[in-house]
Structures are given as structure tokens and as C-alpha cells.
Amino acid sequence: YYDIGVAVGGGKGLVVPVIRNSERLSFAEIELQI
């Protein structure tokens, strides 16, 4: 499977939330999650 972390600048520092099963998501679903 392909869980892709996306680095995001947060209020307390850099965090890397993960987009689970990215291979199954559409462009819109990825953009909405980010």
C-alpha cells in the first residue's frame, strides 16, 4: 500500500500527516485531505 506523508507547517512546528491508501484516491480526494 502507499501511505504518503505530506509535510505541513503547523502552529507548533512541522508535522507530517499521512494520506492513507493514496493509490485509491482521486485528485479531488487528495486535495481535500491535504
PDB file of all heavy atoms in Angstrom:
ATOM      1  N   TYR A   1       0.859  -1.181   0.000  1.00  0.00           N
ATOM      2  CA  TYR A   1       0.000   0.000   0.000  1.00  0.00           C
ATOM      3  C   TYR A   1       0.893   1.228   0.000  1.00  0.00           C
ATOM      4  O   TYR A   1       2.099   1.145   0.251  1.00  0.00           O
ATOM      5  CB  TYR A   1      -0.947   0.004   1.206  1.00  0.00           C
ATOM      6  CG  TYR A   1      -0.248  -0.179   2.542  1.00  0.00           C
ATOM      7  CD1 TYR A   1       0.315   0.899   3.224  1.00  0.00           C
ATOM      8  CD2 TYR A   1      -0.156  -1.439   3.123  1.00  0.00           C
ATOM      9  CE1 TYR A   1       0.955   0.732   4.439  1.00  0.00           C
ATOM     10  CE2 TYR A   1       0.486  -1.627   4.336  1.00  0.00           C
ATOM     11  CZ  TYR A   1       1.030  -0.538   4.989  1.00  0.00           C
ATOM     12  OH  TYR A   1       1.667  -0.705   6.196  1.00  0.00           O
ATOM     13  N   TYR A   2       0.279   2.383  -0.258  1.00  0.00           N
ATOM     14  CA  TYR A   2       1.063   3.603  -0.439  1.00  0.00           C
ATOM     15  C   TYR A   2       0.498   4.720   0.440  1.00  0.00           C
ATOM     16  O   TYR A   2      -0.400   5.455   0.033  1.00  0.00           O
ATOM     17  CB  TYR A   2       1.065   4.005  -1.926  1.00  0.00           C
ATOM     18  CG  TYR A   2       1.631   2.922  -2.803  1.00  0.00           C
ATOM     19  CD1 TYR A   2       0.805   1.948  -3.356  1.00  0.00           C
ATOM     20  CD2 TYR A   2       3.001   2.830  -3.037  1.00  0.00           C
ATOM     21  CE1 TYR A   2       1.321   0.927  -4.137  1.00  0.00           C
ATOM     22  CE2 TYR A   2       3.528   1.806  -3.818  1.00  0.00           C
ATOM     23  CZ  TYR A   2       2.683   0.867  -4.358  1.00  0.00           C
ATOM     24  OH  TYR A   2       3.207  -0.152  -5.121  1.00  0.00           O
ATOM     25  N   ASP A   3       1.006   4.788   1.655  1.00  0.00           N
ATOM     26  CA  ASP A   3       0.645   5.842   2.604  1.00  0.00           C
ATOM     27  C   ASP A   3       1.685   6.947   2.479  1.00  0.00           C
ATOM     28  O   ASP A   3       2.845   6.758   2.865  1.00  0.00           O
ATOM     29  CB  ASP A   3       0.605   5.299   4.028  1.00  0.00           C
ATOM     30  CG  ASP A   3      -0.539   4.309   4.247  1.00  0.00           C
ATOM     31  OD1 ASP A   3      -1.383   4.193   3.338  1.00  0.00           O
ATOM     32  OD2 ASP A   3      -0.586   3.671   5.309  1.00  0.00           O
ATOM     33  N   ILE A   4       1.274   8.082   1.958  1.00  0.00           N
ATOM     34  CA  ILE A   4       2.202   9.172   1.653  1.00  0.00           C
ATOM     35  C   ILE A   4       2.059  10.291   2.679  1.00  0.00           C
ATOM     36  O   ILE A   4       0.973  10.860   2.852  1.00  0.00           O
ATOM     37  CB  ILE A   4       1.948   9.739   0.239  1.00  0.00           C
ATOM     38  CG1 ILE A   4       1.947   8.601  -0.799  1.00  0.00           C
ATOM     39  CG2 ILE A   4       2.997  10.778  -0.103  1.00  0.00           C
ATOM     40  CD1 ILE A   4       3.224   7.824  -0.864  1.00  0.00           C
ATOM     41  N   GLY A   5       3.143  10.600   3.363  1.00  0.00           N
ATOM     42  CA  GLY A   5       3.148  11.714   4.300  1.00  0.00           C
ATOM     43  C   GLY A   5       3.358  13.026   3.567  1.00  0.00           C
ATOM     44  O   GLY A   5       4.132  13.100   2.614  1.00  0.00           O
ATOM     45  N   VAL A   6       2.660  14.056   4.021  1.00  0.00           N
ATOM     46  CA  VAL A   6       2.779  15.388   3.425  1.00  0.00           C
ATOM     47  C   VAL A   6       3.171  16.363   4.532  1.00  0.00           C
ATOM     48  O   VAL A   6       2.423  16.554   5.490  1.00  0.00           O
ATOM     49  CB  VAL A   6       1.463  15.831   2.765  1.00  0.00           C
ATOM     50  CG1 VAL A   6       1.606  17.230   2.181  1.00  0.00           C
ATOM     51  CG2 VAL A   6       1.050  14.854   1.673  1.00  0.00           C
ATOM     52  N   ALA A   7       4.359  16.934   4.421  1.00  0.00           N
ATOM     53  CA  ALA A   7       4.834  17.858   5.453  1.00  0.00           C
ATOM     54  C   ALA A   7       3.998  19.131   5.442  1.00  0.00           C
ATOM     55  O   ALA A   7       3.796  19.748   4.397  1.00  0.00           O
ATOM     56  CB  ALA A   7       6.304  18.193   5.222  1.00  0.00           C
ATOM     57  N   VAL A   8       3.504  19.522   6.624  1.00  0.00           N
ATOM     58  CA  VAL A   8       2.645  20.692   6.762  1.00  0.00           C
ATOM     59  C   VAL A   8       3.166  21.543   7.918  1.00  0.00           C
ATOM     60  O   VAL A   8       3.461  21.018   8.996  1.00  0.00           O
ATOM     61  CB  VAL A   8       1.182  20.277   7.032  1.00  0.00           C
ATOM     62  CG1 VAL A   8       0.306  21.516   7.225  1.00  0.00           C
ATOM     63  CG2 VAL A   8       0.644  19.429   5.897  1.00  0.00           C
ATOM     64  N   GLY A   9       3.280  22.829   7.694  1.00  0.00           N
ATOM     65  CA  GLY A   9       3.674  23.734   8.767  1.00  0.00           C
ATOM     66  C   GLY A   9       2.517  23.999   9.694  1.00  0.00           C
ATOM     67  O   GLY A   9       1.462  24.472   9.261  1.00  0.00           O
ATOM     68  N   GLY A  10       2.682  23.661  10.980  1.00  0.00           N
ATOM     69  CA  GLY A  10       1.623  23.870  11.965  1.00  0.00           C
ATOM     70  C   GLY A  10       1.971  24.971  12.939  1.00  0.00           C
ATOM     71  O   GLY A  10       3.051  25.555  12.900  1.00  0.00           O
ATOM     72  N   GLY A  11       1.033  25.242  13.836  1.00  0.00           N
ATOM     73  CA  GLY A  11       1.245  26.297  14.820  1.00  0.00           C
ATOM     74  C   GLY A  11       2.371  25.999  15.778  1.00  0.00           C
ATOM     75  O   GLY A  11       2.987  26.907  16.337  1.00  0.00           O
ATOM     76  N   LYS A  12       2.684  24.713  16.010  1.00  0.00           N
ATOM     77  CA  LYS A  12       3.730  24.321  16.952  1.00  0.00           C
ATOM     78  C   LYS A  12       4.967  23.763  16.253  1.00  0.00           C
ATOM     79  O   LYS A  12       5.903  23.354  16.900  1.00  0.00           O
ATOM     80  CB  LYS A  12       3.176  23.274  17.927  1.00  0.00           C
ATOM     81  CG  LYS A  12       1.988  23.738  18.739  1.00  0.00           C
ATOM     82  CD  LYS A  12       2.354  24.870  19.684  1.00  0.00           C
ATOM     83  CE  LYS A  12       1.167  25.260  20.551  1.00  0.00           C
ATOM     84  NZ  LYS A  12       1.478  26.362  21.470  1.00  0.00           N
ATOM     85  N   GLY A  13       4.958  23.739  14.927  1.00  0.00           N
ATOM     86  CA  GLY A  13       6.098  23.203  14.203  1.00  0.00           C
ATOM     87  C   GLY A  13       5.650  22.348  13.035  1.00  0.00           C
ATOM     88  O   GLY A  13       4.465  22.198  12.765  1.00  0.00           O
ATOM     89  N   LEU A  14       6.627  21.779  12.352  1.00  0.00           N
ATOM     90  CA  LEU A  14       6.343  20.955  11.182  1.00  0.00           C
ATOM     91  C   LEU A  14       5.742  19.623  11.599  1.00  0.00           C
ATOM     92  O   LEU A  14       6.258  18.945  12.477  1.00  0.00           O
ATOM     93  CB  LEU A  14       7.630  20.712  10.398  1.00  0.00           C
ATOM     94  CG  LEU A  14       7.486  19.973   9.075  1.00  0.00           C
ATOM     95  CD1 LEU A  14       6.862  20.884   8.034  1.00  0.00           C
ATOM     96  CD2 LEU A  14       8.845  19.487   8.601  1.00  0.00           C
ATOM     97  N   VAL A  15       4.634  19.242  10.972  1.00  0.00           N
ATOM     98  CA  VAL A  15       4.021  17.945  11.208  1.00  0.00           C
ATOM     99  C   VAL A  15       3.862  17.241   9.866  1.00  0.00           C
ATOM    100  O   VAL A  15       3.814  17.878   8.821  1.00  0.00           O
ATOM    101  CB  VAL A  15       2.652  18.071  11.916  1.00  0.00           C
ATOM    102  CG1 VAL A  15       2.823  18.618  13.317  1.00  0.00           C
ATOM    103  CG2 VAL A  15       1.707  18.965  11.117  1.00  0.00           C
ATOM    104  N   VAL A  16       3.784  15.915   9.898  1.00  0.00           N
ATOM    105  CA  VAL A  16       3.696  15.134   8.658  1.00  0.00           C
ATOM    106  C   VAL A  16       2.508  14.175   8.752  1.00  0.00           C
ATOM    107  O   VAL A  16       2.679  12.985   9.049  1.00  0.00           O
ATOM    108  CB  VAL A  16       4.998  14.355   8.385  1.00  0.00           C
ATOM    109  CG1 VAL A  16       4.937  13.694   7.011  1.00  0.00           C
ATOM    110  CG2 VAL A  16       6.209  15.277   8.465  1.00  0.00           C
ATOM    111  N   PRO A  17       1.300  14.669   8.531  1.00  0.00           N
ATOM    112  CA  PRO A  17       0.148  13.766   8.471  1.00  0.00           C
ATOM    113  C   PRO A  17       0.227  12.884   7.231  1.00  0.00           C
ATOM    114  O   PRO A  17       0.858  13.243   6.243  1.00  0.00           O
ATOM    115  CB  PRO A  17      -1.050  14.716   8.416  1.00  0.00           C
ATOM    116  CG  PRO A  17      -0.509  15.973   7.827  1.00  0.00           C
ATOM    117  CD  PRO A  17       0.910  16.072   8.313  1.00  0.00           C
ATOM    118  N   VAL A  18      -0.414  11.737   7.299  1.00  0.00           N
ATOM    119  CA  VAL A  18      -0.275  10.718   6.260  1.00  0.00           C
ATOM    120  C   VAL A  18      -1.581  10.549   5.487  1.00  0.00           C
ATOM    121  O   VAL A  18      -2.652  10.403   6.082  1.00  0.00           O
ATOM    122  CB  VAL A  18       0.147   9.370   6.882  1.00  0.00           C
ATOM    123  CG1 VAL A  18       0.229   8.284   5.823  1.00  0.00           C
ATOM    124  CG2 VAL A  18       1.484   9.519   7.605  1.00  0.00           C
ATOM    125  N   ILE A  19      -1.470  10.567   4.171  1.00  0.00           N
ATOM    126  CA  ILE A  19      -2.606  10.259   3.298  1.00  0.00           C
ATOM    127  C   ILE A  19      -2.621   8.754   3.091  1.00  0.00           C
ATOM    128  O   ILE A  19      -1.763   8.206   2.409  1.00  0.00           O
ATOM    129  CB  ILE A  19      -2.491  10.989   1.948  1.00  0.00           C
ATOM    130  CG1 ILE A  19      -2.379  12.500   2.161  1.00  0.00           C
ATOM    131  CG2 ILE A  19      -3.681  10.670   1.058  1.00  0.00           C
ATOM    132  CD1 ILE A  19      -2.146  13.280   0.881  1.00  0.00           C
ATOM    133  N   ARG A  20      -3.591   8.082   3.703  1.00  0.00           N
ATOM    134  CA  ARG A  20      -3.644   6.622   3.646  1.00  0.00           C
ATOM    135  C   ARG A  20      -4.151   6.148   2.285  1.00  0.00           C
ATOM    136  O   ARG A  20      -5.044   6.748   1.693  1.00  0.00           O
ATOM    137  CB  ARG A  20      -4.568   6.084   4.737  1.00  0.00           C
ATOM    138  CG  ARG A  20      -4.286   6.617   6.131  1.00  0.00           C
ATOM    139  CD  ARG A  20      -2.988   6.080   6.707  1.00  0.00           C
ATOM    140  NE  ARG A  20      -2.753   6.622   8.058  1.00  0.00           N
ATOM    141  CZ  ARG A  20      -1.671   6.418   8.759  1.00  0.00           C
ATOM    142  NH1 ARG A  20      -0.697   5.666   8.256  1.00  0.00           N
ATOM    143  NH2 ARG A  20      -1.519   6.957   9.959  1.00  0.00           N
ATOM    144  N   ASN A  21      -3.581   5.042   1.824  1.00  0.00           N
ATOM    145  CA  ASN A  21      -4.019   4.404   0.577  1.00  0.00           C
ATOM    146  C   ASN A  21      -4.144   5.418  -0.552  1.00  0.00           C
ATOM    147  O   ASN A  21      -5.170   5.510  -1.233  1.00  0.00           O
ATOM    148  CB  ASN A  21      -5.344   3.678   0.784  1.00  0.00           C
ATOM    149  CG  ASN A  21      -5.252   2.555   1.807  1.00  0.00           C
ATOM    150  OD1 ASN A  21      -4.331   1.739   1.768  1.00  0.00           O
ATOM    151  ND2 ASN A  21      -6.184   2.528   2.737  1.00  0.00           N
ATOM    152  N   SER A  22      -3.086   6.163  -0.777  1.00  0.00           N
ATOM    153  CA  SER A  22      -3.115   7.220  -1.794  1.00  0.00           C
ATOM    154  C   SER A  22      -3.404   6.675  -3.184  1.00  0.00           C
ATOM    155  O   SER A  22      -3.975   7.380  -4.024  1.00  0.00           O
ATOM    156  CB  SER A  22      -1.767   7.953  -1.813  1.00  0.00           C
ATOM    157  OG  SER A  22      -1.497   8.552  -0.574  1.00  0.00           O
ATOM    158  N   GLU A  23      -3.034   5.423  -3.411  1.00  0.00           N
ATOM    159  CA  GLU A  23      -3.248   4.839  -4.737  1.00  0.00           C
ATOM    160  C   GLU A  23      -4.726   4.689  -5.078  1.00  0.00           C
ATOM    161  O   GLU A  23      -5.097   4.558  -6.247  1.00  0.00           O
ATOM    162  CB  GLU A  23      -2.548   3.478  -4.832  1.00  0.00           C
ATOM    163  CG  GLU A  23      -3.197   2.343  -4.071  1.00  0.00           C
ATOM    164  CD  GLU A  23      -2.878   2.303  -2.576  1.00  0.00           C
ATOM    165  OE1 GLU A  23      -2.258   3.274  -2.077  1.00  0.00           O
ATOM    166  OE2 GLU A  23      -3.236   1.308  -1.926  1.00  0.00           O
ATOM    167  N   ARG A  24      -5.585   4.725  -4.067  1.00  0.00           N
ATOM    168  CA  ARG A  24      -7.025   4.546  -4.296  1.00  0.00           C
ATOM    169  C   ARG A  24      -7.776   5.871  -4.404  1.00  0.00           C
ATOM    170  O   ARG A  24      -8.971   5.870  -4.689  1.00  0.00           O
ATOM    171  CB  ARG A  24      -7.629   3.727  -3.154  1.00  0.00           C
ATOM    172  CG  ARG A  24      -6.988   2.369  -2.927  1.00  0.00           C
ATOM    173  CD  ARG A  24      -7.644   1.667  -1.762  1.00  0.00           C
ATOM    174  NE  ARG A  24      -6.961   0.418  -1.425  1.00  0.00           N
ATOM    175  CZ  ARG A  24      -7.304  -0.354  -0.404  1.00  0.00           C
ATOM    176  NH1 ARG A  24      -8.340  -0.006   0.375  1.00  0.00           N
ATOM    177  NH2 ARG A  24      -6.643  -1.468  -0.152  1.00  0.00           N
ATOM    178  N   LEU A  25      -7.110   6.972  -4.152  1.00  0.00           N
ATOM    179  CA  LEU A  25      -7.785   8.257  -4.075  1.00  0.00           C
ATOM    180  C   LEU A  25      -7.748   8.996  -5.405  1.00  0.00           C
ATOM    181  O   LEU A  25      -6.802   8.877  -6.180  1.00  0.00           O
ATOM    182  CB  LEU A  25      -7.146   9.122  -2.992  1.00  0.00           C
ATOM    183  CG  LEU A  25      -7.122   8.530  -1.578  1.00  0.00           C
ATOM    184  CD1 LEU A  25      -6.476   9.512  -0.611  1.00  0.00           C
ATOM    185  CD2 LEU A  25      -8.523   8.164  -1.106  1.00  0.00           C
ATOM    186  N   SER A  26      -8.778   9.795  -5.632  1.00  0.00           N
ATOM    187  CA  SER A  26      -8.828  10.658  -6.806  1.00  0.00           C
ATOM    188  C   SER A  26      -8.052  11.941  -6.530  1.00  0.00           C
ATOM    189  O   SER A  26      -7.653  12.210  -5.389  1.00  0.00           O
ATOM    190  CB  SER A  26     -10.283  10.996  -7.150  1.00  0.00           C
ATOM    191  OG  SER A  26     -10.856  11.800  -6.121  1.00  0.00           O
ATOM    192  N   PHE A  27      -7.872  12.751  -7.563  1.00  0.00           N
ATOM    193  CA  PHE A  27      -7.218  14.039  -7.388  1.00  0.00           C
ATOM    194  C   PHE A  27      -7.980  14.879  -6.366  1.00  0.00           C
ATOM    195  O   PHE A  27      -7.375  15.515  -5.496  1.00  0.00           O
ATOM    196  CB  PHE A  27      -7.138  14.778  -8.734  1.00  0.00           C
ATOM    197  CG  PHE A  27      -6.049  14.305  -9.642  1.00  0.00           C
ATOM    198  CD1 PHE A  27      -6.214  13.167 -10.416  1.00  0.00           C
ATOM    199  CD2 PHE A  27      -4.843  14.976  -9.714  1.00  0.00           C
ATOM    200  CE1 PHE A  27      -5.206  12.721 -11.253  1.00  0.00           C
ATOM    201  CE2 PHE A  27      -3.819  14.537 -10.549  1.00  0.00           C
ATOM    202  CZ  PHE A  27      -4.010  13.403 -11.323  1.00  0.00           C
ATOM    203  N   ALA A  28      -9.292  14.909  -6.486  1.00  0.00           N
ATOM    204  CA  ALA A  28     -10.114  15.725  -5.582  1.00  0.00           C
ATOM    205  C   ALA A  28      -9.991  15.242  -4.145  1.00  0.00           C
ATOM    206  O   ALA A  28      -9.882  16.047  -3.206  1.00  0.00           O
ATOM    207  CB  ALA A  28     -11.566  15.700  -6.030  1.00  0.00           C
ATOM    208  N   GLU A  29     -10.009  13.928  -3.941  1.00  0.00           N
ATOM    209  CA  GLU A  29      -9.904  13.395  -2.584  1.00  0.00           C
ATOM    210  C   GLU A  29      -8.554  13.728  -1.964  1.00  0.00           C
ATOM    211  O   GLU A  29      -8.473  14.029  -0.755  1.00  0.00           O
ATOM    212  CB  GLU A  29     -10.126  11.881  -2.614  1.00  0.00           C
ATOM    213  CG  GLU A  29     -11.555  11.479  -2.914  1.00  0.00           C
ATOM    214  CD  GLU A  29     -11.717   9.995  -3.149  1.00  0.00           C
ATOM    215  OE1 GLU A  29     -10.767   9.372  -3.692  1.00  0.00           O
ATOM    216  OE2 GLU A  29     -12.778   9.438  -2.801  1.00  0.00           O
ATOM    217  N   ILE A  30      -7.509  13.696  -2.759  1.00  0.00           N
ATOM    218  CA  ILE A  30      -6.186  14.054  -2.254  1.00  0.00           C
ATOM    219  C   ILE A  30      -6.139  15.533  -1.881  1.00  0.00           C
ATOM    220  O   ILE A  30      -5.658  15.907  -0.798  1.00  0.00           O
ATOM    221  CB  ILE A  30      -5.102  13.720  -3.289  1.00  0.00           C
ATOM    222  CG1 ILE A  30      -4.992  12.210  -3.466  1.00  0.00           C
ATOM    223  CG2 ILE A  30      -3.750  14.298  -2.864  1.00  0.00           C
ATOM    224  CD1 ILE A  30      -4.070  11.786  -4.586  1.00  0.00           C
ATOM    225  N   GLU A  31      -6.641  16.395  -2.759  1.00  0.00           N
ATOM    226  CA  GLU A  31      -6.628  17.832  -2.494  1.00  0.00           C
ATOM    227  C   GLU A  31      -7.460  18.174  -1.260  1.00  0.00           C
ATOM    228  O   GLU A  31      -7.051  19.005  -0.433  1.00  0.00           O
ATOM    229  CB  GLU A  31      -7.158  18.602  -3.704  1.00  0.00           C
ATOM    230  CG  GLU A  31      -6.262  18.548  -4.930  1.00  0.00           C
ATOM    231  CD  GLU A  31      -4.974  19.326  -4.753  1.00  0.00           C
ATOM    232  OE1 GLU A  31      -4.818  20.032  -3.744  1.00  0.00           O
ATOM    233  OE2 GLU A  31      -4.097  19.218  -5.639  1.00  0.00           O
ATOM    234  N   LEU A  32      -8.612  17.537  -1.109  1.00  0.00           N
ATOM    235  CA  LEU A  32      -9.462  17.795   0.053  1.00  0.00           C
ATOM    236  C   LEU A  32      -8.773  17.371   1.340  1.00  0.00           C
ATOM    237  O   LEU A  32      -8.843  18.070   2.358  1.00  0.00           O
ATOM    238  CB  LEU A  32     -10.795  17.062  -0.102  1.00  0.00           C
ATOM    239  CG  LEU A  32     -11.780  17.654  -1.121  1.00  0.00           C
ATOM    240  CD1 LEU A  32     -12.903  16.667  -1.416  1.00  0.00           C
ATOM    241  CD2 LEU A  32     -12.346  18.973  -0.623  1.00  0.00           C
ATOM    242  N   GLN A  33      -8.088  16.241   1.299  1.00  0.00           N
ATOM    243  CA  GLN A  33      -7.409  15.758   2.503  1.00  0.00           C
ATOM    244  C   GLN A  33      -6.230  16.652   2.873  1.00  0.00           C
ATOM    245  O   GLN A  33      -6.010  16.952   4.051  1.00  0.00           O
ATOM    246  CB  GLN A  33      -6.952  14.324   2.304  1.00  0.00           C
ATOM    247  CG  GLN A  33      -6.646  13.600   3.611  1.00  0.00           C
ATOM    248  CD  GLN A  33      -6.667  12.093   3.447  1.00  0.00           C
ATOM    249  OE1 GLN A  33      -5.756  11.526   2.886  1.00  0.00           O
ATOM    250  NE2 GLN A  33      -7.711  11.456   3.934  1.00  0.00           N
ATOM    251  N   ILE A  34      -5.484  17.089   1.872  1.00  0.00           N
ATOM    252  CA  ILE A  34      -4.352  17.983   2.145  1.00  0.00           C
ATOM    253  C   ILE A  34      -4.838  19.306   2.715  1.00  0.00           C
ATOM    254  O   ILE A  34      -4.258  19.844   3.668  1.00  0.00           O
ATOM    255  CB  ILE A  34      -3.530  18.205   0.862  1.00  0.00           C
ATOM    256  CG1 ILE A  34      -2.817  16.919   0.455  1.00  0.00           C
ATOM    257  CG2 ILE A  34      -2.508  19.321   1.064  1.00  0.00           C
ATOM    258  CD1 ILE A  34      -2.106  17.006  -0.874  1.00  0.00           C
TER     259      ILE A  34
END
